Amino acid sequence: MNVLKDHINKTVSLTDEEFLIVESFFQEQHFKKREMIISENDQVDYVYFIISGLLKLFYTDAEAKEHIISFSMEDWWESDYAAFYTQTKATQSLQCLEDTFVLKLSFEDYQQLLNQVPKMTDFFLKKAIGGHISNQRRILSLMTMSAKERYEQFLKYYPTLKQRLPKTVLAAYLGVSRETLSRLYLESGLK
């Protein structure tokens, strides 16, 4: 739980007593590579803090085409947030790209946590704002940037992910073919 404490303290300062309350609301869970944490139409009861591993959040359209929304790795949070906060069925799926260890927080515990440790409201608000900014950056990149610019932006913001993602998955995230991604690798001097 020290990882969670360090993570929270980067955003808000908690006393040791406050953190003891915070950690009491979290549960540990392990998932295997390729395991689905959330599938479309599931009830979304948890938000996940990633201790180790890598996750992929995606949407599957009517033609069964997968659209990757985001990746999440150590020290990040993930869920189908719309379904979690509105307590509705998932429209997105969350899958492990590596064996993954998380701390999960249920919706009910989330509400109790905010009541018992009000500083956590500020913490989750700041996390939500950061996520919103990242999502806007991604939307704009898909609307206005070339494949090369999107690739360079990905490397700038997520330099360690390139080595952890299969090329087909990264290509899908960037909205390019695997061949185009291979060309971008070569142009940037990477293999």
N, C-alpha and C. Protein backbone atom coordinates (compact mmCIF):
# COMPACT_ATOMS: atom_id res chain seq x y z
N MET A 1 0.81 -1.21 0.00
CA MET A 1 0.00 0.00 0.00
C MET A 1 0.85 1.28 0.00
N ASN A 2 2.17 1.12 0.21
CA ASN A 2 3.02 2.30 0.16
C ASN A 2 2.99 2.97 -1.20
N VAL A 3 2.81 2.17 -2.26
CA VAL A 3 2.73 2.74 -3.62
C VAL A 3 1.52 3.65 -3.71
N LEU A 4 0.40 3.22 -3.18
CA LEU A 4 -0.81 4.04 -3.19
C LEU A 4 -0.62 5.31 -2.35
N LYS A 5 -0.02 5.17 -1.20
CA LYS A 5 0.21 6.33 -0.32
C LYS A 5 1.11 7.35 -1.02
N ASP A 6 2.20 6.88 -1.62
CA ASP A 6 3.10 7.79 -2.34
C ASP A 6 2.37 8.46 -3.50
N HIS A 7 1.55 7.69 -4.21
CA HIS A 7 0.80 8.22 -5.35
C HIS A 7 -0.16 9.34 -4.89
N ILE A 8 -0.90 9.09 -3.86
CA ILE A 8 -1.87 10.08 -3.37
C ILE A 8 -1.15 11.32 -2.85
N ASN A 9 -0.05 11.11 -2.14
CA ASN A 9 0.68 12.24 -1.55
C ASN A 9 1.34 13.15 -2.58
N LYS A 10 1.44 12.70 -3.83
CA LYS A 10 1.92 13.60 -4.90
C LYS A 10 0.87 14.65 -5.23
N THR A 11 -0.38 14.38 -4.87
CA THR A 11 -1.48 15.27 -5.22
C THR A 11 -2.08 15.97 -4.01
N VAL A 12 -2.31 15.24 -2.94
CA VAL A 12 -2.81 15.81 -1.68
C VAL A 12 -2.02 15.20 -0.53
N SER A 13 -1.85 15.95 0.54
CA SER A 13 -1.11 15.44 1.70
C SER A 13 -2.07 14.81 2.68
N LEU A 14 -1.84 13.54 2.97
CA LEU A 14 -2.65 12.82 3.94
C LEU A 14 -1.83 12.56 5.19
N THR A 15 -2.48 12.63 6.33
CA THR A 15 -1.83 12.20 7.57
C THR A 15 -1.80 10.67 7.56
N ASP A 16 -1.00 10.10 8.45
CA ASP A 16 -0.96 8.64 8.56
C ASP A 16 -2.34 8.09 8.93
N GLU A 17 -3.04 8.79 9.79
CA GLU A 17 -4.38 8.35 10.20
C GLU A 17 -5.35 8.38 9.00
N GLU A 18 -5.27 9.44 8.21
CA GLU A 18 -6.14 9.54 7.03
C GLU A 18 -5.83 8.42 6.04
N PHE A 19 -4.55 8.14 5.86
CA PHE A 19 -4.22 7.08 4.91
C PHE A 19 -4.70 5.72 5.39
N LEU A 20 -4.64 5.46 6.68
CA LEU A 20 -5.17 4.20 7.21
C LEU A 20 -6.64 4.04 6.84
N ILE A 21 -7.39 5.13 6.90
CA ILE A 21 -8.80 5.08 6.48
C ILE A 21 -8.88 4.81 4.98
N VAL A 22 -8.08 5.54 4.20
CA VAL A 22 -8.10 5.38 2.74
C VAL A 22 -7.81 3.93 2.35
N GLU A 23 -6.73 3.37 2.87
CA GLU A 23 -6.34 2.03 2.44
C GLU A 23 -7.34 0.96 2.85
N SER A 24 -8.13 1.24 3.88
CA SER A 24 -9.11 0.25 4.31
C SER A 24 -10.22 0.03 3.29
N PHE A 25 -10.37 0.95 2.35
CA PHE A 25 -11.42 0.84 1.34
C PHE A 25 -10.97 0.07 0.09
N PHE A 26 -9.69 -0.19 -0.05
CA PHE A 26 -9.17 -0.84 -1.26
C PHE A 26 -9.00 -2.34 -1.07
N GLN A 27 -9.18 -3.07 -2.17
CA GLN A 27 -8.97 -4.51 -2.20
C GLN A 27 -7.92 -4.81 -3.28
N GLU A 28 -7.09 -5.80 -3.02
CA GLU A 28 -6.08 -6.23 -3.99
C GLU A 28 -6.68 -7.26 -4.93
N GLN A 29 -6.23 -7.24 -6.18
CA GLN A 29 -6.64 -8.28 -7.12
C GLN A 29 -5.57 -8.45 -8.19
N HIS A 30 -5.36 -9.70 -8.57
CA HIS A 30 -4.43 -10.05 -9.64
C HIS A 30 -5.22 -10.50 -10.86
N PHE A 31 -4.72 -10.14 -12.05
CA PHE A 31 -5.31 -10.58 -13.31
C PHE A 31 -4.19 -11.12 -14.20
N LYS A 32 -4.53 -12.07 -15.04
CA LYS A 32 -3.57 -12.65 -15.98
C LYS A 32 -3.59 -11.89 -17.31
N LYS A 33 -2.49 -11.98 -18.03
CA LYS A 33 -2.40 -11.40 -19.37
C LYS A 33 -3.58 -11.90 -20.21
N ARG A 34 -4.20 -11.01 -20.96
CA ARG A 34 -5.35 -11.24 -21.83
C ARG A 34 -6.68 -11.35 -21.08
N GLU A 35 -6.64 -11.37 -19.76
CA GLU A 35 -7.89 -11.46 -18.99
C GLU A 35 -8.68 -10.16 -19.11
N MET A 36 -9.99 -10.30 -19.21
CA MET A 36 -10.88 -9.15 -19.26
C MET A 36 -11.23 -8.74 -17.82
N ILE A 37 -11.04 -7.48 -17.52
CA ILE A 37 -11.44 -6.95 -16.22
C ILE A 37 -12.87 -6.43 -16.32
N ILE A 38 -13.15 -5.74 -17.41
CA ILE A 38 -14.50 -5.26 -17.71
C ILE A 38 -14.82 -5.65 -19.15
N SER A 39 -16.00 -6.16 -19.37
CA SER A 39 -16.49 -6.45 -20.72
C SER A 39 -17.74 -5.61 -20.97
N GLU A 40 -17.97 -5.30 -22.24
CA GLU A 40 -19.16 -4.54 -22.61
C GLU A 40 -20.40 -5.18 -21.99
N ASN A 41 -21.27 -4.36 -21.47
CA ASN A 41 -22.53 -4.74 -20.81
C ASN A 41 -22.35 -5.25 -19.38
N ASP A 42 -21.13 -5.30 -18.85
CA ASP A 42 -20.92 -5.63 -17.45
C ASP A 42 -21.39 -4.47 -16.58
N GLN A 43 -21.78 -4.79 -15.37
CA GLN A 43 -21.98 -3.76 -14.36
C GLN A 43 -20.58 -3.35 -13.90
N VAL A 44 -20.30 -2.06 -13.86
CA VAL A 44 -18.96 -1.58 -13.49
C VAL A 44 -18.99 -1.13 -12.04
N ASP A 45 -18.46 -1.98 -11.19
CA ASP A 45 -18.50 -1.74 -9.75
C ASP A 45 -17.23 -1.14 -9.19
N TYR A 46 -16.15 -1.14 -9.99
CA TYR A 46 -14.85 -0.73 -9.44
C TYR A 46 -14.11 0.24 -10.35
N VAL A 47 -13.26 1.03 -9.71
CA VAL A 47 -12.21 1.79 -10.37
C VAL A 47 -10.91 1.13 -9.91
N TYR A 48 -9.90 1.09 -10.79
CA TYR A 48 -8.69 0.33 -10.52
C TYR A 48 -7.45 1.23 -10.51
N PHE A 49 -6.62 1.04 -9.48
CA PHE A 49 -5.31 1.68 -9.41
C PHE A 49 -4.29 0.60 -9.73
N ILE A 50 -3.45 0.84 -10.72
CA ILE A 50 -2.54 -0.20 -11.21
C ILE A 50 -1.22 -0.15 -10.44
N ILE A 51 -0.92 -1.25 -9.77
CA ILE A 51 0.35 -1.41 -9.06
C ILE A 51 1.41 -1.92 -10.03
N SER A 52 1.05 -2.93 -10.83
CA SER A 52 1.96 -3.43 -11.86
C SER A 52 1.13 -3.99 -13.00
N GLY A 53 1.67 -3.89 -14.20
CA GLY A 53 0.98 -4.41 -15.36
C GLY A 53 0.58 -3.32 -16.34
N LEU A 54 -0.17 -3.74 -17.35
CA LEU A 54 -0.57 -2.84 -18.44
C LEU A 54 -1.96 -3.23 -18.90
N LEU A 55 -2.83 -2.22 -19.03
CA LEU A 55 -4.22 -2.44 -19.43
C LEU A 55 -4.55 -1.68 -20.71
N LYS A 56 -5.57 -2.19 -21.40
CA LYS A 56 -6.07 -1.56 -22.62
C LYS A 56 -7.56 -1.34 -22.45
N LEU A 57 -8.01 -0.08 -22.59
CA LEU A 57 -9.43 0.25 -22.58
C LEU A 57 -9.86 0.43 -24.02
N PHE A 58 -10.94 -0.26 -24.42
CA PHE A 58 -11.35 -0.18 -25.83
C PHE A 58 -12.85 -0.29 -25.99
N TYR A 59 -13.30 0.15 -27.16
CA TYR A 59 -14.70 0.09 -27.54
C TYR A 59 -14.79 -0.78 -28.80
N THR A 60 -15.79 -1.64 -28.85
CA THR A 60 -16.00 -2.48 -30.02
C THR A 60 -17.26 -2.01 -30.73
N ASP A 61 -17.12 -1.63 -32.01
CA ASP A 61 -18.26 -1.09 -32.75
C ASP A 61 -19.16 -2.20 -33.31
N ALA A 62 -20.20 -1.81 -34.01
CA ALA A 62 -21.21 -2.76 -34.53
C ALA A 62 -20.61 -3.75 -35.54
N GLU A 63 -19.50 -3.38 -36.18
CA GLU A 63 -18.83 -4.27 -37.13
C GLU A 63 -17.74 -5.09 -36.46
N ALA A 64 -17.71 -5.09 -35.14
CA ALA A 64 -16.75 -5.83 -34.32
C ALA A 64 -15.33 -5.29 -34.45
N LYS A 65 -15.19 -4.04 -34.87
CA LYS A 65 -13.87 -3.41 -34.94
C LYS A 65 -13.56 -2.80 -33.58
N GLU A 66 -12.34 -3.06 -33.12
CA GLU A 66 -11.89 -2.58 -31.82
C GLU A 66 -11.25 -1.20 -31.96
N HIS A 67 -11.69 -0.27 -31.12
CA HIS A 67 -11.14 1.09 -31.09
C HIS A 67 -10.50 1.29 -29.72
N ILE A 68 -9.17 1.42 -29.71
CA ILE A 68 -8.45 1.56 -28.44
C ILE A 68 -8.56 3.00 -27.96
N ILE A 69 -9.06 3.15 -26.76
CA ILE A 69 -9.25 4.46 -26.16
C ILE A 69 -8.00 4.89 -25.41
N SER A 70 -7.45 3.97 -24.62
CA SER A 70 -6.28 4.32 -23.81
C SER A 70 -5.57 3.08 -23.32
N PHE A 71 -4.35 3.32 -22.86
CA PHE A 71 -3.56 2.32 -22.14
C PHE A 71 -3.35 2.84 -20.73
N SER A 72 -3.19 1.94 -19.79
CA SER A 72 -2.94 2.32 -18.41
C SER A 72 -1.87 1.41 -17.84
N MET A 73 -0.92 2.03 -17.16
CA MET A 73 0.18 1.25 -16.58
C MET A 73 0.36 1.64 -15.12
N GLU A 74 1.44 1.23 -14.55
CA GLU A 74 1.73 1.47 -13.14
C GLU A 74 1.50 2.94 -12.77
N ASP A 75 0.89 3.12 -11.60
CA ASP A 75 0.66 4.45 -11.04
C ASP A 75 -0.46 5.21 -11.74
N TRP A 76 -1.29 4.50 -12.53
CA TRP A 76 -2.43 5.10 -13.23
C TRP A 76 -3.72 4.47 -12.72
N TRP A 77 -4.82 5.14 -12.99
CA TRP A 77 -6.17 4.68 -12.65
C TRP A 77 -6.90 4.33 -13.94
N GLU A 78 -7.82 3.34 -13.86
CA GLU A 78 -8.60 3.03 -15.06
C GLU A 78 -9.92 2.38 -14.68
N SER A 79 -10.90 2.58 -15.54
CA SER A 79 -12.22 1.96 -15.46
C SER A 79 -13.01 2.45 -16.68
N ASP A 80 -14.21 1.94 -16.86
CA ASP A 80 -15.17 2.58 -17.76
C ASP A 80 -15.83 3.62 -16.86
N TYR A 81 -15.29 4.83 -16.86
CA TYR A 81 -15.71 5.83 -15.89
C TYR A 81 -17.16 6.24 -16.04
N ALA A 82 -17.66 6.32 -17.25
CA ALA A 82 -19.07 6.69 -17.43
C ALA A 82 -19.96 5.66 -16.75
N ALA A 83 -19.67 4.40 -16.94
CA ALA A 83 -20.47 3.33 -16.32
C ALA A 83 -20.26 3.30 -14.80
N PHE A 84 -19.03 3.53 -14.36
CA PHE A 84 -18.74 3.51 -12.92
C PHE A 84 -19.50 4.62 -12.20
N TYR A 85 -19.36 5.86 -12.68
CA TYR A 85 -19.96 6.99 -11.98
C TYR A 85 -21.48 7.04 -12.12
N THR A 86 -22.03 6.52 -13.19
CA THR A 86 -23.49 6.53 -13.36
C THR A 86 -24.12 5.20 -12.95
N GLN A 87 -23.26 4.23 -12.59
CA GLN A 87 -23.72 2.89 -12.20
C GLN A 87 -24.63 2.28 -13.26
N THR A 88 -24.13 2.35 -14.50
CA THR A 88 -24.81 1.74 -15.65
C THR A 88 -23.92 0.67 -16.24
N LYS A 89 -24.38 0.01 -17.27
CA LYS A 89 -23.63 -1.07 -17.91
C LYS A 89 -22.46 -0.49 -18.72
N ALA A 90 -21.40 -1.26 -18.81
CA ALA A 90 -20.20 -0.85 -19.54
C ALA A 90 -20.47 -0.76 -21.03
N THR A 91 -19.92 0.27 -21.65
CA THR A 91 -19.90 0.38 -23.11
C THR A 91 -18.49 0.13 -23.64
N GLN A 92 -17.52 0.08 -22.71
CA GLN A 92 -16.13 -0.14 -23.05
C GLN A 92 -15.64 -1.40 -22.34
N SER A 93 -14.54 -1.93 -22.83
CA SER A 93 -13.94 -3.13 -22.23
C SER A 93 -12.54 -2.80 -21.75
N LEU A 94 -12.12 -3.49 -20.70
CA LEU A 94 -10.80 -3.29 -20.11
C LEU A 94 -10.11 -4.64 -20.04
N GLN A 95 -8.96 -4.73 -20.73
CA GLN A 95 -8.25 -6.01 -20.85
C GLN A 95 -6.79 -5.85 -20.44
N CYS A 96 -6.25 -6.92 -19.83
CA CYS A 96 -4.84 -6.93 -19.43
C CYS A 96 -3.96 -7.27 -20.63
N LEU A 97 -2.96 -6.45 -20.87
CA LEU A 97 -1.95 -6.73 -21.89
C LEU A 97 -0.74 -7.43 -21.27
N GLU A 98 -0.66 -7.41 -19.95
CA GLU A 98 0.37 -8.10 -19.17
C GLU A 98 -0.32 -8.63 -17.91
N ASP A 99 0.35 -9.53 -17.20
CA ASP A 99 -0.15 -9.89 -15.88
C ASP A 99 -0.22 -8.59 -15.08
N THR A 100 -1.30 -8.41 -14.35
CA THR A 100 -1.57 -7.11 -13.73
C THR A 100 -2.02 -7.29 -12.29
N PHE A 101 -1.52 -6.40 -11.43
CA PHE A 101 -1.89 -6.36 -10.03
C PHE A 101 -2.48 -4.98 -9.75
N VAL A 102 -3.70 -4.94 -9.20
CA VAL A 102 -4.40 -3.69 -8.97
C VAL A 102 -4.90 -3.59 -7.54
N LEU A 103 -5.18 -2.37 -7.17
CA LEU A 103 -5.99 -2.08 -5.99
C LEU A 103 -7.30 -1.57 -6.53
N LYS A 104 -8.41 -2.16 -6.09
CA LYS A 104 -9.70 -1.74 -6.62
C LYS A 104 -10.54 -1.08 -5.53
N LEU A 105 -11.35 -0.13 -5.97
CA LEU A 105 -12.20 0.64 -5.08
C LEU A 105 -13.62 0.57 -5.63
N SER A 106 -14.55 0.06 -4.82
CA SER A 106 -15.93 -0.05 -5.28
C SER A 106 -16.62 1.32 -5.26
N PHE A 107 -17.71 1.42 -5.99
CA PHE A 107 -18.46 2.67 -6.04
C PHE A 107 -18.97 3.06 -4.65
N GLU A 108 -19.50 2.10 -3.93
CA GLU A 108 -20.00 2.37 -2.58
C GLU A 108 -18.87 2.83 -1.66
N ASP A 109 -17.73 2.13 -1.73
CA ASP A 109 -16.58 2.52 -0.91
C ASP A 109 -16.01 3.87 -1.33
N TYR A 110 -16.05 4.15 -2.62
CA TYR A 110 -15.61 5.46 -3.13
C TYR A 110 -16.42 6.57 -2.46
N GLN A 111 -17.74 6.41 -2.41
CA GLN A 111 -18.59 7.43 -1.79
C GLN A 111 -18.30 7.56 -0.30
N GLN A 112 -18.13 6.44 0.37
CA GLN A 112 -17.82 6.48 1.81
C GLN A 112 -16.45 7.11 2.06
N LEU A 113 -15.50 6.79 1.20
CA LEU A 113 -14.16 7.35 1.33
C LEU A 113 -14.19 8.88 1.24
N LEU A 114 -14.93 9.40 0.27
CA LEU A 114 -15.02 10.85 0.12
C LEU A 114 -15.66 11.50 1.35
N ASN A 115 -16.61 10.83 1.95
CA ASN A 115 -17.24 11.36 3.16
C ASN A 115 -16.30 11.32 4.36
N GLN A 116 -15.49 10.26 4.46
CA GLN A 116 -14.63 10.10 5.63
C GLN A 116 -13.31 10.85 5.51
N VAL A 117 -12.81 11.00 4.29
CA VAL A 117 -11.54 11.71 4.06
C VAL A 117 -11.79 12.74 2.95
N PRO A 118 -12.31 13.93 3.31
CA PRO A 118 -12.69 14.93 2.31
C PRO A 118 -11.55 15.33 1.35
N LYS A 119 -10.29 15.22 1.79
CA LYS A 119 -9.17 15.55 0.89
C LYS A 119 -9.18 14.68 -0.37
N MET A 120 -9.77 13.50 -0.27
CA MET A 120 -9.79 12.60 -1.43
C MET A 120 -10.70 13.12 -2.54
N THR A 121 -11.64 13.99 -2.21
CA THR A 121 -12.47 14.63 -3.25
C THR A 121 -11.56 15.46 -4.15
N ASP A 122 -10.67 16.23 -3.56
CA ASP A 122 -9.72 17.04 -4.32
C ASP A 122 -8.78 16.15 -5.12
N PHE A 123 -8.34 15.06 -4.52
CA PHE A 123 -7.46 14.12 -5.21
C PHE A 123 -8.13 13.59 -6.48
N PHE A 124 -9.35 13.05 -6.34
CA PHE A 124 -10.02 12.46 -7.49
C PHE A 124 -10.41 13.52 -8.53
N LEU A 125 -10.71 14.73 -8.10
CA LEU A 125 -11.00 15.81 -9.04
C LEU A 125 -9.77 16.12 -9.88
N LYS A 126 -8.61 16.23 -9.23
CA LYS A 126 -7.38 16.53 -9.97
C LYS A 126 -7.03 15.39 -10.94
N LYS A 127 -7.27 14.15 -10.53
CA LYS A 127 -7.02 13.00 -11.43
C LYS A 127 -7.98 13.06 -12.62
N ALA A 128 -9.24 13.39 -12.38
CA ALA A 128 -10.22 13.48 -13.46
C ALA A 128 -9.86 14.59 -14.44
N ILE A 129 -9.42 15.72 -13.94
CA ILE A 129 -9.02 16.84 -14.81
C ILE A 129 -7.83 16.42 -15.67
N GLY A 130 -6.84 15.75 -15.07
CA GLY A 130 -5.69 15.27 -15.84
C GLY A 130 -6.11 14.31 -16.94
N GLY A 131 -7.03 13.40 -16.62
CA GLY A 131 -7.54 12.47 -17.62
C GLY A 131 -8.30 13.18 -18.72
N HIS A 132 -9.07 14.17 -18.36
CA HIS A 132 -9.83 14.95 -19.35
C HIS A 132 -8.88 15.66 -20.32
N ILE A 133 -7.84 16.25 -19.78
CA ILE A 133 -6.84 16.94 -20.61
C ILE A 133 -6.19 15.94 -21.58
N SER A 134 -5.81 14.77 -21.08
CA SER A 134 -5.20 13.75 -21.94
C SER A 134 -6.16 13.30 -23.04
N ASN A 135 -7.43 13.11 -22.68
CA ASN A 135 -8.41 12.71 -23.69
C ASN A 135 -8.61 13.77 -24.76
N GLN A 136 -8.64 15.05 -24.37
CA GLN A 136 -8.77 16.11 -25.36
C GLN A 136 -7.55 16.14 -26.28
N ARG A 137 -6.36 15.94 -25.72
CA ARG A 137 -5.14 15.92 -26.53
C ARG A 137 -5.22 14.78 -27.55
N ARG A 138 -5.70 13.62 -27.12
CA ARG A 138 -5.81 12.47 -28.02
C ARG A 138 -6.83 12.74 -29.12
N ILE A 139 -7.98 13.27 -28.78
CA ILE A 139 -9.01 13.57 -29.78
C ILE A 139 -8.47 14.55 -30.81
N LEU A 140 -7.83 15.61 -30.35
CA LEU A 140 -7.27 16.59 -31.28
C LEU A 140 -6.19 15.99 -32.17
N SER A 141 -5.38 15.10 -31.61
CA SER A 141 -4.33 14.48 -32.42
C SER A 141 -4.94 13.63 -33.54
N LEU A 142 -6.02 12.91 -33.23
CA LEU A 142 -6.67 12.09 -34.25
C LEU A 142 -7.34 12.94 -35.32
N MET A 143 -7.79 14.14 -34.94
CA MET A 143 -8.48 15.01 -35.89
C MET A 143 -7.53 15.86 -36.74
N THR A 144 -6.36 16.19 -36.19
CA THR A 144 -5.54 17.21 -36.86
C THR A 144 -4.12 16.79 -37.23
N MET A 145 -3.63 15.69 -36.71
CA MET A 145 -2.22 15.33 -36.92
C MET A 145 -2.05 14.22 -37.93
N SER A 146 -0.89 14.23 -38.55
CA SER A 146 -0.52 13.13 -39.44
C SER A 146 -0.16 11.91 -38.59
N ALA A 147 -0.03 10.76 -39.23
CA ALA A 147 0.37 9.54 -38.52
C ALA A 147 1.72 9.74 -37.83
N LYS A 148 2.64 10.37 -38.52
CA LYS A 148 3.97 10.61 -37.95
C LYS A 148 3.89 11.50 -36.72
N GLU A 149 3.08 12.55 -36.79
CA GLU A 149 2.93 13.46 -35.65
C GLU A 149 2.27 12.75 -34.46
N ARG A 150 1.28 11.90 -34.73
CA ARG A 150 0.63 11.15 -33.65
C ARG A 150 1.63 10.21 -32.99
N TYR A 151 2.45 9.55 -33.80
CA TYR A 151 3.46 8.64 -33.29
C TYR A 151 4.48 9.40 -32.42
N GLU A 152 4.94 10.55 -32.91
CA GLU A 152 5.91 11.35 -32.15
C GLU A 152 5.30 11.85 -30.84
N GLN A 153 4.02 12.24 -30.88
CA GLN A 153 3.36 12.68 -29.66
C GLN A 153 3.23 11.53 -28.66
N PHE A 154 2.89 10.34 -29.16
CA PHE A 154 2.81 9.17 -28.30
C PHE A 154 4.16 8.92 -27.61
N LEU A 155 5.25 8.97 -28.37
CA LEU A 155 6.58 8.74 -27.79
C LEU A 155 6.93 9.82 -26.77
N LYS A 156 6.50 11.05 -27.02
CA LYS A 156 6.78 12.15 -26.10
C LYS A 156 6.08 11.94 -24.76
N TYR A 157 4.81 11.58 -24.80
CA TYR A 157 4.03 11.48 -23.56
C TYR A 157 4.15 10.10 -22.89
N TYR A 158 4.42 9.06 -23.67
CA TYR A 158 4.45 7.70 -23.12
C TYR A 158 5.69 6.94 -23.62
N PRO A 159 6.89 7.44 -23.36
CA PRO A 159 8.10 6.84 -23.92
C PRO A 159 8.33 5.38 -23.54
N THR A 160 7.89 4.96 -22.38
CA THR A 160 8.16 3.58 -21.95
C THR A 160 7.16 2.57 -22.51
N LEU A 161 6.04 3.05 -23.01
CA LEU A 161 5.02 2.13 -23.50
C LEU A 161 5.38 1.47 -24.82
N LYS A 162 6.17 2.12 -25.64
CA LYS A 162 6.49 1.59 -26.96
C LYS A 162 7.10 0.19 -26.87
N GLN A 163 7.96 -0.04 -25.88
CA GLN A 163 8.60 -1.35 -25.74
C GLN A 163 7.65 -2.40 -25.18
N ARG A 164 6.58 -1.97 -24.54
CA ARG A 164 5.67 -2.91 -23.88
C ARG A 164 4.47 -3.31 -24.73
N LEU A 165 4.23 -2.58 -25.81
CA LEU A 165 3.04 -2.84 -26.63
C LEU A 165 3.39 -3.62 -27.88
N PRO A 166 2.58 -4.63 -28.23
CA PRO A 166 2.74 -5.26 -29.54
C PRO A 166 2.50 -4.21 -30.63
N LYS A 167 3.23 -4.32 -31.73
CA LYS A 167 3.11 -3.33 -32.80
C LYS A 167 1.69 -3.23 -33.34
N THR A 168 0.98 -4.35 -33.43
CA THR A 168 -0.39 -4.29 -33.95
C THR A 168 -1.30 -3.49 -33.01
N VAL A 169 -1.08 -3.59 -31.72
CA VAL A 169 -1.89 -2.86 -30.74
C VAL A 169 -1.56 -1.37 -30.80
N LEU A 170 -0.28 -1.02 -30.87
CA LEU A 170 0.12 0.38 -30.98
C LEU A 170 -0.40 0.98 -32.28
N ALA A 171 -0.31 0.23 -33.37
CA ALA A 171 -0.82 0.72 -34.66
C ALA A 171 -2.32 1.02 -34.56
N ALA A 172 -3.07 0.14 -33.94
CA ALA A 172 -4.52 0.35 -33.79
C ALA A 172 -4.79 1.60 -32.95
N TYR A 173 -4.03 1.80 -31.90
CA TYR A 173 -4.21 2.98 -31.05
C TYR A 173 -3.95 4.26 -31.84
N LEU A 174 -2.91 4.24 -32.67
CA LEU A 174 -2.55 5.41 -33.46
C LEU A 174 -3.44 5.62 -34.68
N GLY A 175 -4.23 4.60 -35.00
CA GLY A 175 -5.11 4.70 -36.17
C GLY A 175 -4.37 4.53 -37.48
N VAL A 176 -3.34 3.67 -37.46
CA VAL A 176 -2.56 3.42 -38.68
C VAL A 176 -2.44 1.91 -38.88
N SER A 177 -2.01 1.53 -40.08
CA SER A 177 -1.76 0.11 -40.33
C SER A 177 -0.44 -0.30 -39.68
N ARG A 178 -0.25 -1.59 -39.53
CA ARG A 178 1.01 -2.09 -38.96
C ARG A 178 2.17 -1.73 -39.87
N GLU A 179 1.93 -1.74 -41.18
CA GLU A 179 2.97 -1.37 -42.14
C GLU A 179 3.39 0.09 -41.98
N THR A 180 2.39 0.97 -41.79
CA THR A 180 2.70 2.39 -41.57
C THR A 180 3.49 2.56 -40.29
N LEU A 181 3.12 1.83 -39.25
CA LEU A 181 3.87 1.92 -37.99
C LEU A 181 5.30 1.44 -38.19
N SER A 182 5.51 0.37 -38.93
CA SER A 182 6.87 -0.12 -39.20
C SER A 182 7.68 0.94 -39.94
N ARG A 183 7.04 1.63 -40.88
CA ARG A 183 7.73 2.70 -41.61
C ARG A 183 8.10 3.83 -40.66
N LEU A 184 7.19 4.18 -39.75
CA LEU A 184 7.48 5.24 -38.78
C LEU A 184 8.63 4.83 -37.85
N TYR A 185 8.68 3.55 -37.46
CA TYR A 185 9.80 3.04 -36.65
C TYR A 185 11.12 3.27 -37.40
N LEU A 186 11.12 2.89 -38.69
CA LEU A 186 12.34 3.00 -39.48
C LEU A 186 12.75 4.46 -39.65
N GLU A 187 11.77 5.32 -39.92
CA GLU A 187 12.07 6.75 -40.11
C GLU A 187 12.63 7.38 -38.85
N SER A 188 12.21 6.88 -37.70
CA SER A 188 12.69 7.47 -36.45
C SER A 188 13.98 6.79 -35.96
N GLY A 189 14.45 5.80 -36.72
CA GLY A 189 15.68 5.11 -36.35
C GLY A 189 15.49 4.06 -35.30
N LEU A 190 14.24 3.63 -35.06
CA LEU A 190 13.94 2.61 -34.07
C LEU A 190 13.60 1.31 -34.75
N LYS A 191 13.71 0.22 -34.02
CA LYS A 191 13.36 -1.09 -34.57
C LYS A 191 12.38 -1.78 -33.67
